[in-house]
């Protein structure tokens, strides 16, 4: 899991709790589903930056380097999840 850009110790632990052990696992499930599972099973207060971090890790970039379009797309999805 150390090879995932932008995923620190706390988020690694959260991912491990939902059965995600590496980049392949995260890519397979996707950032949105991983985030949903984290919210449901591990941390009901997980914030949008966590979703950005997961998406960035899948794409090999820091969350700050995600495009504005991608962040807006994820923000809209987050709002639906956060209702």
N, C-alpha and C. Protein backbone atom coordinates (compact mmCIF):
# COMPACT_ATOMS: atom_id res chain seq x y z
N UNK A 1 0.83 -1.20 0.00
CA UNK A 1 0.00 0.00 0.00
C UNK A 1 0.87 1.25 0.00
N UNK A 2 2.13 1.14 0.38
CA UNK A 2 3.00 2.31 0.41
C UNK A 2 3.22 2.91 -0.97
N UNK A 3 2.90 2.18 -2.01
CA UNK A 3 3.11 2.69 -3.36
C UNK A 3 1.98 3.61 -3.82
N UNK A 4 0.96 3.78 -3.01
CA UNK A 4 -0.16 4.64 -3.38
C UNK A 4 0.14 6.09 -3.01
N UNK A 5 0.25 6.92 -4.03
CA UNK A 5 0.52 8.34 -3.83
C UNK A 5 -0.65 8.98 -3.08
N UNK A 6 -0.33 9.76 -2.05
CA UNK A 6 -1.34 10.52 -1.34
C UNK A 6 -2.15 9.75 -0.32
N UNK A 7 -1.81 8.48 -0.10
CA UNK A 7 -2.53 7.69 0.89
C UNK A 7 -1.63 7.54 2.11
N UNK A 8 -1.99 8.22 3.17
CA UNK A 8 -1.22 8.17 4.40
C UNK A 8 -1.62 7.00 5.27
N UNK A 9 -1.00 6.95 6.43
CA UNK A 9 -1.19 5.83 7.35
C UNK A 9 -2.65 5.64 7.74
N UNK A 10 -3.34 6.71 8.08
CA UNK A 10 -4.73 6.61 8.53
C UNK A 10 -5.63 6.07 7.43
N UNK A 11 -5.50 6.60 6.22
CA UNK A 11 -6.33 6.10 5.12
C UNK A 11 -5.94 4.68 4.71
N UNK A 12 -4.66 4.34 4.84
CA UNK A 12 -4.26 2.94 4.58
C UNK A 12 -4.96 2.00 5.55
N UNK A 13 -5.00 2.40 6.81
CA UNK A 13 -5.67 1.57 7.82
C UNK A 13 -7.16 1.44 7.53
N UNK A 14 -7.78 2.52 7.10
CA UNK A 14 -9.20 2.47 6.77
C UNK A 14 -9.44 1.55 5.57
N UNK A 15 -8.59 1.67 4.57
CA UNK A 15 -8.72 0.80 3.39
C UNK A 15 -8.53 -0.67 3.79
N UNK A 16 -7.56 -0.93 4.63
CA UNK A 16 -7.32 -2.30 5.09
C UNK A 16 -8.55 -2.86 5.78
N UNK A 17 -9.26 -2.04 6.53
CA UNK A 17 -10.45 -2.49 7.25
C UNK A 17 -11.59 -2.90 6.33
N UNK A 18 -11.56 -2.42 5.08
CA UNK A 18 -12.59 -2.85 4.12
C UNK A 18 -12.03 -3.83 3.10
N UNK A 19 -10.85 -4.37 3.39
CA UNK A 19 -10.28 -5.42 2.56
C UNK A 19 -9.45 -4.96 1.39
N UNK A 20 -9.09 -3.70 1.36
CA UNK A 20 -8.25 -3.19 0.28
C UNK A 20 -6.82 -3.14 0.79
N UNK A 21 -5.96 -3.94 0.16
CA UNK A 21 -4.58 -4.09 0.61
C UNK A 21 -3.55 -3.44 -0.31
N UNK A 22 -3.94 -3.10 -1.55
CA UNK A 22 -2.96 -2.57 -2.51
C UNK A 22 -3.66 -1.75 -3.60
N UNK A 23 -2.85 -1.19 -4.48
CA UNK A 23 -3.39 -0.35 -5.54
C UNK A 23 -4.32 -1.14 -6.46
N UNK A 24 -3.98 -2.37 -6.73
CA UNK A 24 -4.83 -3.21 -7.58
C UNK A 24 -6.23 -3.36 -6.98
N UNK A 25 -6.29 -3.62 -5.68
CA UNK A 25 -7.59 -3.74 -5.01
C UNK A 25 -8.38 -2.44 -5.10
N UNK A 26 -7.69 -1.31 -4.86
CA UNK A 26 -8.37 -0.01 -4.90
C UNK A 26 -8.86 0.31 -6.31
N UNK A 27 -8.03 0.01 -7.29
CA UNK A 27 -8.42 0.26 -8.68
C UNK A 27 -9.62 -0.59 -9.06
N UNK A 28 -9.61 -1.84 -8.63
CA UNK A 28 -10.71 -2.75 -8.97
C UNK A 28 -12.04 -2.27 -8.39
N UNK A 29 -12.04 -1.84 -7.13
CA UNK A 29 -13.29 -1.41 -6.51
C UNK A 29 -13.65 0.02 -6.89
N UNK A 30 -12.64 0.83 -7.16
CA UNK A 30 -12.86 2.22 -7.54
C UNK A 30 -12.91 3.15 -6.34
N UNK A 31 -12.57 4.40 -6.57
CA UNK A 31 -12.50 5.38 -5.48
C UNK A 31 -13.85 5.63 -4.84
N UNK A 32 -14.90 5.67 -5.63
CA UNK A 32 -16.23 5.99 -5.11
C UNK A 32 -16.75 4.86 -4.22
N UNK A 33 -16.65 3.64 -4.69
CA UNK A 33 -17.12 2.51 -3.89
C UNK A 33 -16.28 2.35 -2.63
N UNK A 34 -14.98 2.54 -2.74
CA UNK A 34 -14.13 2.46 -1.55
C UNK A 34 -14.55 3.51 -0.54
N UNK A 35 -14.79 4.72 -1.01
CA UNK A 35 -15.22 5.80 -0.12
C UNK A 35 -16.56 5.48 0.53
N UNK A 36 -17.50 4.97 -0.26
CA UNK A 36 -18.80 4.61 0.30
C UNK A 36 -18.65 3.57 1.40
N UNK A 37 -17.82 2.57 1.17
CA UNK A 37 -17.62 1.52 2.16
C UNK A 37 -16.95 2.07 3.42
N UNK A 38 -16.00 2.97 3.25
CA UNK A 38 -15.36 3.60 4.40
C UNK A 38 -16.42 4.34 5.22
N UNK A 39 -17.28 5.11 4.54
CA UNK A 39 -18.32 5.86 5.24
C UNK A 39 -19.29 4.93 5.97
N UNK A 40 -19.63 3.82 5.36
CA UNK A 40 -20.61 2.90 5.94
C UNK A 40 -20.03 2.03 7.06
N UNK A 41 -18.78 1.63 6.91
CA UNK A 41 -18.24 0.61 7.82
C UNK A 41 -17.16 1.08 8.77
N UNK A 42 -16.48 2.18 8.45
CA UNK A 42 -15.30 2.54 9.21
C UNK A 42 -15.37 3.95 9.79
N UNK A 43 -15.71 4.92 8.96
CA UNK A 43 -15.65 6.32 9.38
C UNK A 43 -16.79 7.10 8.73
N UNK A 44 -17.88 7.23 9.44
CA UNK A 44 -19.06 7.90 8.89
C UNK A 44 -18.83 9.38 8.65
N UNK A 45 -17.72 9.90 9.15
CA UNK A 45 -17.40 11.32 8.98
C UNK A 45 -16.32 11.56 7.93
N UNK A 46 -15.94 10.53 7.18
CA UNK A 46 -14.90 10.70 6.15
C UNK A 46 -15.31 11.84 5.21
N UNK A 47 -14.36 12.68 4.90
CA UNK A 47 -14.65 13.89 4.14
C UNK A 47 -14.22 13.75 2.69
N UNK A 48 -14.57 14.72 1.89
CA UNK A 48 -14.33 14.68 0.45
C UNK A 48 -12.85 14.54 0.11
N UNK A 49 -11.97 15.05 0.94
CA UNK A 49 -10.54 14.94 0.66
C UNK A 49 -10.09 13.47 0.62
N UNK A 50 -10.78 12.65 1.38
CA UNK A 50 -10.49 11.21 1.35
C UNK A 50 -10.85 10.64 -0.02
N UNK A 51 -11.99 11.04 -0.54
CA UNK A 51 -12.40 10.60 -1.88
C UNK A 51 -11.41 11.09 -2.92
N UNK A 52 -10.99 12.35 -2.82
CA UNK A 52 -9.98 12.88 -3.74
C UNK A 52 -8.68 12.07 -3.65
N UNK A 53 -8.26 11.74 -2.43
CA UNK A 53 -7.02 10.98 -2.24
C UNK A 53 -7.11 9.61 -2.91
N UNK A 54 -8.25 8.94 -2.74
CA UNK A 54 -8.42 7.63 -3.36
C UNK A 54 -8.36 7.73 -4.88
N UNK A 55 -9.03 8.72 -5.44
CA UNK A 55 -9.02 8.91 -6.90
C UNK A 55 -7.61 9.23 -7.39
N UNK A 56 -6.93 10.10 -6.66
CA UNK A 56 -5.56 10.44 -7.03
C UNK A 56 -4.65 9.22 -6.99
N UNK A 57 -4.79 8.41 -5.94
CA UNK A 57 -3.95 7.22 -5.80
C UNK A 57 -4.16 6.26 -6.96
N UNK A 58 -5.39 6.09 -7.38
CA UNK A 58 -5.68 5.22 -8.51
C UNK A 58 -4.99 5.73 -9.78
N UNK A 59 -4.95 7.05 -9.92
CA UNK A 59 -4.38 7.66 -11.11
C UNK A 59 -2.91 8.02 -10.98
N UNK A 60 -2.31 7.70 -9.83
CA UNK A 60 -0.88 7.94 -9.65
C UNK A 60 -0.51 9.39 -9.45
N UNK A 61 -1.44 10.19 -8.93
CA UNK A 61 -1.16 11.61 -8.69
C UNK A 61 -1.64 11.99 -7.30
N UNK A 62 -1.12 13.08 -6.79
CA UNK A 62 -1.63 13.62 -5.54
C UNK A 62 -3.00 14.22 -5.80
N UNK A 63 -3.83 14.24 -4.79
CA UNK A 63 -5.19 14.76 -4.97
C UNK A 63 -5.19 16.20 -5.46
N UNK A 64 -4.19 16.97 -5.06
CA UNK A 64 -4.09 18.36 -5.52
C UNK A 64 -3.90 18.46 -7.03
N UNK A 65 -3.42 17.38 -7.64
CA UNK A 65 -3.17 17.38 -9.08
C UNK A 65 -4.32 16.83 -9.91
N UNK A 66 -5.42 16.45 -9.26
CA UNK A 66 -6.60 16.05 -10.02
C UNK A 66 -7.14 17.27 -10.76
N UNK A 67 -7.70 17.04 -11.92
CA UNK A 67 -8.24 18.16 -12.70
C UNK A 67 -9.45 18.77 -12.01
N UNK A 68 -9.73 20.00 -12.30
CA UNK A 68 -10.90 20.68 -11.74
C UNK A 68 -12.16 19.93 -12.14
N UNK A 69 -12.22 19.45 -13.38
CA UNK A 69 -13.38 18.71 -13.86
C UNK A 69 -13.59 17.44 -13.01
N UNK A 70 -12.52 16.71 -12.76
CA UNK A 70 -12.61 15.48 -11.95
C UNK A 70 -13.04 15.81 -10.53
N UNK A 71 -12.48 16.88 -9.95
CA UNK A 71 -12.86 17.26 -8.59
C UNK A 71 -14.33 17.67 -8.53
N UNK A 72 -14.80 18.38 -9.54
CA UNK A 72 -16.21 18.77 -9.57
C UNK A 72 -17.12 17.54 -9.69
N UNK A 73 -16.71 16.58 -10.49
CA UNK A 73 -17.46 15.33 -10.64
C UNK A 73 -17.53 14.59 -9.30
N UNK A 74 -16.39 14.49 -8.63
CA UNK A 74 -16.34 13.81 -7.34
C UNK A 74 -17.12 14.57 -6.27
N UNK A 75 -17.09 15.89 -6.36
CA UNK A 75 -17.83 16.72 -5.40
C UNK A 75 -19.32 16.46 -5.52
N UNK A 76 -19.81 16.35 -6.75
CA UNK A 76 -21.23 16.07 -6.97
C UNK A 76 -21.60 14.70 -6.41
N UNK A 77 -20.75 13.73 -6.61
CA UNK A 77 -20.98 12.39 -6.08
C UNK A 77 -20.95 12.42 -4.56
N UNK A 78 -19.99 13.13 -3.99
CA UNK A 78 -19.90 13.25 -2.54
C UNK A 78 -21.17 13.84 -1.96
N UNK A 79 -21.72 14.85 -2.60
CA UNK A 79 -22.95 15.48 -2.11
C UNK A 79 -24.10 14.47 -2.07
N UNK A 80 -24.15 13.60 -3.05
CA UNK A 80 -25.19 12.56 -3.07
C UNK A 80 -24.97 11.56 -1.93
N UNK A 81 -23.74 11.18 -1.71
CA UNK A 81 -23.42 10.24 -0.65
C UNK A 81 -23.70 10.87 0.72
N UNK A 82 -23.44 12.14 0.84
CA UNK A 82 -23.49 12.84 2.12
C UNK A 82 -24.91 13.25 2.53
N UNK A 83 -25.89 12.97 1.73
CA UNK A 83 -27.27 13.36 2.04
C UNK A 83 -27.79 12.64 3.24
